[in-house]
Structure formats: structure tokens, C-alpha cells
Amino acid sequence: MAVPARRTSKAKKNKRRTHYKISAPTVTFDETTGDYNRSHRVSLKGYYKGRKVTKD
């Protein structure tokens, strides 16, 4: 069974984890509804790419 020869130091562990960060969600302004919404998602009013996609 593979067992590490020595413990991984805090510095080594933290250097490896520097790329684990959260990114801000992409928010765009929709001229059709006049609201801000996330990309590639239907708005709260039912619009996607400027067109109505849900039934009210």
C-alpha cells in the first residue's frame, strides 16, 4: 500500500491550493426586460436571448 514518506507541509499544501478559488458569476444586462441576469439562463420574466421562451 502506498503511504507518503513524510507529512505534506502547510506551505506545500497551500501552494497547491492557490488555484482553488471561486469566480464571480457572469451577469449581463438584458435590453428586452431591462433586468440583469446570468448568462445562459432564462430570466425571471421568461426571456432567453431576447425571446419569450416560457408560457405565462
PDB file of N, CA and C in Angstrom:
ATOM      1  N   MET A   1       0.835  -1.179   0.000  1.00  0.00           N
ATOM      2  CA  MET A   1       0.000   0.000   0.000  1.00  0.00           C
ATOM      3  C   MET A   1       0.877   1.239   0.000  1.00  0.00           C
ATOM      4  N   ALA A   2       0.556   2.218  -0.832  1.00  0.00           N
ATOM      5  CA  ALA A   2       1.376   3.424  -0.931  1.00  0.00           C
ATOM      6  C   ALA A   2       1.075   4.375   0.225  1.00  0.00           C
ATOM      7  N   VAL A   3       2.125   4.720   0.950  1.00  0.00           N
ATOM      8  CA  VAL A   3       1.995   5.626   2.083  1.00  0.00           C
ATOM      9  C   VAL A   3       3.022   6.730   1.907  1.00  0.00           C
ATOM     10  N   PRO A   4       2.641   8.016   2.110  1.00  0.00           N
ATOM     11  CA  PRO A   4       3.615   9.088   1.960  1.00  0.00           C
ATOM     12  C   PRO A   4       4.762   8.937   2.960  1.00  0.00           C
ATOM     13  N   ALA A   5       5.965   9.227   2.501  1.00  0.00           N
ATOM     14  CA  ALA A   5       7.144   9.096   3.358  1.00  0.00           C
ATOM     15  C   ALA A   5       7.130  10.129   4.474  1.00  0.00           C
ATOM     16  N   ARG A   6       6.645  11.327   4.178  1.00  0.00           N
ATOM     17  CA  ARG A   6       6.555  12.361   5.214  1.00  0.00           C
ATOM     18  C   ARG A   6       5.327  13.211   5.000  1.00  0.00           C
ATOM     19  N   ARG A   7       4.963  13.908   6.032  1.00  0.00           N
ATOM     20  CA  ARG A   7       3.763  14.739   6.026  1.00  0.00           C
ATOM     21  C   ARG A   7       3.937  15.921   5.079  1.00  0.00           C
ATOM     22  N   THR A   8       2.870  16.283   4.358  1.00  0.00           N
ATOM     23  CA  THR A   8       2.901  17.453   3.483  1.00  0.00           C
ATOM     24  C   THR A   8       2.817  18.707   4.333  1.00  0.00           C
ATOM     25  N   SER A   9       3.759  19.617   4.146  1.00  0.00           N
ATOM     26  CA  SER A   9       3.788  20.831   4.955  1.00  0.00           C
ATOM     27  C   SER A   9       2.622  21.754   4.599  1.00  0.00           C
ATOM     28  N   LYS A  10       2.327  22.701   5.510  1.00  0.00           N
ATOM     29  CA  LYS A  10       1.248  23.654   5.277  1.00  0.00           C
ATOM     30  C   LYS A  10       1.537  24.511   4.059  1.00  0.00           C
ATOM     31  N   ALA A  11       2.791  24.924   3.891  1.00  0.00           N
ATOM     32  CA  ALA A  11       3.168  25.774   2.752  1.00  0.00           C
ATOM     33  C   ALA A  11       2.982  25.030   1.433  1.00  0.00           C
ATOM     34  N   LYS A  12       3.416  23.803   1.383  1.00  0.00           N
ATOM     35  CA  LYS A  12       3.284  22.994   0.163  1.00  0.00           C
ATOM     36  C   LYS A  12       1.816  22.768  -0.172  1.00  0.00           C
ATOM     37  N   LYS A  13       1.014  22.465   0.851  1.00  0.00           N
ATOM     38  CA  LYS A  13      -0.415  22.239   0.666  1.00  0.00           C
ATOM     39  C   LYS A  13      -1.098  23.505   0.163  1.00  0.00           C
ATOM     40  N   ASN A  14      -0.773  24.650   0.764  1.00  0.00           N
ATOM     41  CA  ASN A  14      -1.401  25.913   0.369  1.00  0.00           C
ATOM     42  C   ASN A  14      -0.971  26.363  -1.022  1.00  0.00           C
ATOM     43  N   LYS A  15       0.266  26.084  -1.402  1.00  0.00           N
ATOM     44  CA  LYS A  15       0.724  26.423  -2.760  1.00  0.00           C
ATOM     45  C   LYS A  15      -0.038  25.616  -3.801  1.00  0.00           C
ATOM     46  N   ARG A  16      -0.336  24.368  -3.478  1.00  0.00           N
ATOM     47  CA  ARG A  16      -1.086  23.526  -4.399  1.00  0.00           C
ATOM     48  C   ARG A  16      -2.530  24.018  -4.543  1.00  0.00           C
ATOM     49  N   ARG A  17      -3.069  24.591  -3.490  1.00  0.00           N
ATOM     50  CA  ARG A  17      -4.459  25.016  -3.486  1.00  0.00           C
ATOM     51  C   ARG A  17      -4.673  26.457  -3.933  1.00  0.00           C
ATOM     52  N   THR A  18      -3.649  27.134  -4.443  1.00  0.00           N
ATOM     53  CA  THR A  18      -3.815  28.537  -4.839  1.00  0.00           C
ATOM     54  C   THR A  18      -4.789  28.700  -5.990  1.00  0.00           C
ATOM     55  N   HIS A  19      -4.990  27.676  -6.793  1.00  0.00           N
ATOM     56  CA  HIS A  19      -5.881  27.780  -7.946  1.00  0.00           C
ATOM     57  C   HIS A  19      -7.319  27.430  -7.608  1.00  0.00           C
ATOM     58  N   TYR A  20      -7.587  27.022  -6.373  1.00  0.00           N
ATOM     59  CA  TYR A  20      -8.950  26.679  -5.960  1.00  0.00           C
ATOM     60  C   TYR A  20      -9.636  27.937  -5.474  1.00  0.00           C
ATOM     61  N   LYS A  21     -10.126  28.745  -6.392  1.00  0.00           N
ATOM     62  CA  LYS A  21     -10.803  29.963  -5.966  1.00  0.00           C
ATOM     63  C   LYS A  21     -12.141  30.081  -6.660  1.00  0.00           C
ATOM     64  N   ILE A  22     -13.011  30.801  -6.023  1.00  0.00           N
ATOM     65  CA  ILE A  22     -14.351  30.984  -6.564  1.00  0.00           C
ATOM     66  C   ILE A  22     -14.337  32.173  -7.522  1.00  0.00           C
ATOM     67  N   SER A  23     -15.089  32.054  -8.599  1.00  0.00           N
ATOM     68  CA  SER A  23     -15.162  33.153  -9.565  1.00  0.00           C
ATOM     69  C   SER A  23     -16.548  33.789  -9.489  1.00  0.00           C
ATOM     70  N   ALA A  24     -16.600  35.063  -9.798  1.00  0.00           N
ATOM     71  CA  ALA A  24     -17.869  35.783  -9.751  1.00  0.00           C
ATOM     72  C   ALA A  24     -18.757  35.325 -10.906  1.00  0.00           C
ATOM     73  N   PRO A  25     -20.057  35.208 -10.695  1.00  0.00           N
ATOM     74  CA  PRO A  25     -20.943  34.786 -11.777  1.00  0.00           C
ATOM     75  C   PRO A  25     -21.016  35.848 -12.871  1.00  0.00           C
ATOM     76  N   THR A  26     -21.136  35.404 -14.106  1.00  0.00           N
ATOM     77  CA  THR A  26     -21.238  36.310 -15.237  1.00  0.00           C
ATOM     78  C   THR A  26     -22.652  36.856 -15.308  1.00  0.00           C
ATOM     79  N   VAL A  27     -22.773  38.170 -15.185  1.00  0.00           N
ATOM     80  CA  VAL A  27     -24.082  38.820 -15.185  1.00  0.00           C
ATOM     81  C   VAL A  27     -24.139  39.753 -16.387  1.00  0.00           C
ATOM     82  N   THR A  28     -25.216  39.667 -17.160  1.00  0.00           N
ATOM     83  CA  THR A  28     -25.389  40.524 -18.327  1.00  0.00           C
ATOM     84  C   THR A  28     -26.683  41.319 -18.201  1.00  0.00           C
ATOM     85  N   PHE A  29     -26.749  42.421 -18.943  1.00  0.00           N
ATOM     86  CA  PHE A  29     -27.951  43.247 -18.942  1.00  0.00           C
ATOM     87  C   PHE A  29     -28.794  42.869 -20.145  1.00  0.00           C
ATOM     88  N   ASP A  30     -30.069  42.563 -19.913  1.00  0.00           N
ATOM     89  CA  ASP A  30     -30.983  42.178 -20.976  1.00  0.00           C
ATOM     90  C   ASP A  30     -31.827  43.388 -21.355  1.00  0.00           C
ATOM     91  N   GLU A  31     -31.666  43.870 -22.586  1.00  0.00           N
ATOM     92  CA  GLU A  31     -32.413  45.056 -23.020  1.00  0.00           C
ATOM     93  C   GLU A  31     -33.908  44.779 -23.158  1.00  0.00           C
ATOM     94  N   THR A  32     -34.293  43.537 -23.431  1.00  0.00           N
ATOM     95  CA  THR A  32     -35.703  43.197 -23.606  1.00  0.00           C
ATOM     96  C   THR A  32     -36.491  43.408 -22.316  1.00  0.00           C
ATOM     97  N   THR A  33     -35.955  42.910 -21.219  1.00  0.00           N
ATOM     98  CA  THR A  33     -36.658  43.001 -19.938  1.00  0.00           C
ATOM     99  C   THR A  33     -36.183  44.174 -19.097  1.00  0.00           C
ATOM    100  N   GLY A  34     -34.982  44.668 -19.374  1.00  0.00           N
ATOM    101  CA  GLY A  34     -34.413  45.749 -18.568  1.00  0.00           C
ATOM    102  C   GLY A  34     -33.852  45.266 -17.249  1.00  0.00           C
ATOM    103  N   ASP A  35     -33.607  43.979 -17.134  1.00  0.00           N
ATOM    104  CA  ASP A  35     -33.082  43.395 -15.903  1.00  0.00           C
ATOM    105  C   ASP A  35     -31.706  42.792 -16.155  1.00  0.00           C
ATOM    106  N   TYR A  36     -31.007  42.529 -15.063  1.00  0.00           N
ATOM    107  CA  TYR A  36     -29.745  41.813 -15.129  1.00  0.00           C
ATOM    108  C   TYR A  36     -30.027  40.343 -14.886  1.00  0.00           C
ATOM    109  N   ASN A  37     -29.341  39.472 -15.629  1.00  0.00           N
ATOM    110  CA  ASN A  37     -29.489  38.045 -15.400  1.00  0.00           C
ATOM    111  C   ASN A  37     -28.191  37.341 -15.746  1.00  0.00           C
ATOM    112  N   ARG A  38     -28.063  36.105 -15.290  1.00  0.00           N
ATOM    113  CA  ARG A  38     -26.864  35.313 -15.548  1.00  0.00           C
ATOM    114  C   ARG A  38     -26.881  34.788 -16.973  1.00  0.00           C
ATOM    115  N   SER A  39     -25.702  34.625 -17.539  1.00  0.00           N
ATOM    116  CA  SER A  39     -25.583  34.146 -18.907  1.00  0.00           C
ATOM    117  C   SER A  39     -26.059  32.698 -19.021  1.00  0.00           C
ATOM    118  N   HIS A  40     -26.623  32.363 -20.162  1.00  0.00           N
ATOM    119  CA  HIS A  40     -27.074  31.009 -20.496  1.00  0.00           C
ATOM    120  C   HIS A  40     -28.183  30.508 -19.580  1.00  0.00           C
ATOM    121  N   ARG A  41     -28.974  31.424 -19.032  1.00  0.00           N
ATOM    122  CA  ARG A  41     -30.099  31.041 -18.184  1.00  0.00           C
ATOM    123  C   ARG A  41     -31.315  31.878 -18.531  1.00  0.00           C
ATOM    124  N   VAL A  42     -32.476  31.312 -18.347  1.00  0.00           N
ATOM    125  CA  VAL A  42     -33.721  32.021 -18.608  1.00  0.00           C
ATOM    126  C   VAL A  42     -33.926  33.058 -17.506  1.00  0.00           C
ATOM    127  N   SER A  43     -34.354  34.267 -17.881  1.00  0.00           N
ATOM    128  CA  SER A  43     -34.580  35.318 -16.892  1.00  0.00           C
ATOM    129  C   SER A  43     -35.830  35.015 -16.080  1.00  0.00           C
ATOM    130  N   LEU A  44     -36.035  35.780 -15.019  1.00  0.00           N
ATOM    131  CA  LEU A  44     -37.198  35.556 -14.164  1.00  0.00           C
ATOM    132  C   LEU A  44     -38.505  35.836 -14.895  1.00  0.00           C
ATOM    133  N   LYS A  45     -38.450  36.691 -15.919  1.00  0.00           N
ATOM    134  CA  LYS A  45     -39.649  37.018 -16.690  1.00  0.00           C
ATOM    135  C   LYS A  45     -39.882  36.050 -17.842  1.00  0.00           C
ATOM    136  N   GLY A  46     -38.997  35.062 -18.010  1.00  0.00           N
ATOM    137  CA  GLY A  46     -39.188  34.021 -19.019  1.00  0.00           C
ATOM    138  C   GLY A  46     -38.538  34.293 -20.354  1.00  0.00           C
ATOM    139  N   TYR A  47     -37.546  35.197 -20.419  1.00  0.00           N
ATOM    140  CA  TYR A  47     -36.873  35.516 -21.672  1.00  0.00           C
ATOM    141  C   TYR A  47     -35.498  34.865 -21.727  1.00  0.00           C
ATOM    142  N   TYR A  48     -35.128  34.430 -22.937  1.00  0.00           N
ATOM    143  CA  TYR A  48     -33.791  33.891 -23.187  1.00  0.00           C
ATOM    144  C   TYR A  48     -33.340  34.407 -24.546  1.00  0.00           C
ATOM    145  N   LYS A  49     -32.203  35.099 -24.570  1.00  0.00           N
ATOM    146  CA  LYS A  49     -31.652  35.704 -25.789  1.00  0.00           C
ATOM    147  C   LYS A  49     -32.655  36.617 -26.468  1.00  0.00           C
ATOM    148  N   GLY A  50     -33.406  37.385 -25.674  1.00  0.00           N
ATOM    149  CA  GLY A  50     -34.334  38.371 -26.229  1.00  0.00           C
ATOM    150  C   GLY A  50     -35.673  37.837 -26.668  1.00  0.00           C
ATOM    151  N   ARG A  51     -35.929  36.560 -26.472  1.00  0.00           N
ATOM    152  CA  ARG A  51     -37.188  35.956 -26.894  1.00  0.00           C
ATOM    153  C   ARG A  51     -37.900  35.315 -25.719  1.00  0.00           C
ATOM    154  N   LYS A  52     -39.206  35.331 -25.747  1.00  0.00           N
ATOM    155  CA  LYS A  52     -40.023  34.711 -24.713  1.00  0.00           C
ATOM    156  C   LYS A  52     -39.987  33.198 -24.907  1.00  0.00           C
ATOM    157  N   VAL A  53     -39.584  32.469 -23.884  1.00  0.00           N
ATOM    158  CA  VAL A  53     -39.468  31.014 -24.030  1.00  0.00           C
ATOM    159  C   VAL A  53     -40.398  30.243 -23.090  1.00  0.00           C
ATOM    160  N   THR A  54     -41.031  30.935 -22.145  1.00  0.00           N
ATOM    161  CA  THR A  54     -41.944  30.242 -21.246  1.00  0.00           C
ATOM    162  C   THR A  54     -43.353  30.802 -21.413  1.00  0.00           C
ATOM    163  N   LYS A  55     -44.325  29.974 -21.083  1.00  0.00           N
ATOM    164  CA  LYS A  55     -45.717  30.400 -21.148  1.00  0.00           C
ATOM    165  C   LYS A  55     -46.117  30.981 -19.794  1.00  0.00           C
ATOM    166  N   ASP A  56     -46.907  32.042 -19.819  1.00  0.00           N
ATOM    167  CA  ASP A  56     -47.395  32.639 -18.561  1.00  0.00           C
ATOM    168  C   ASP A  56     -48.780  32.171 -18.220  1.00  0.00           C
TER     169      ASP A  56
END
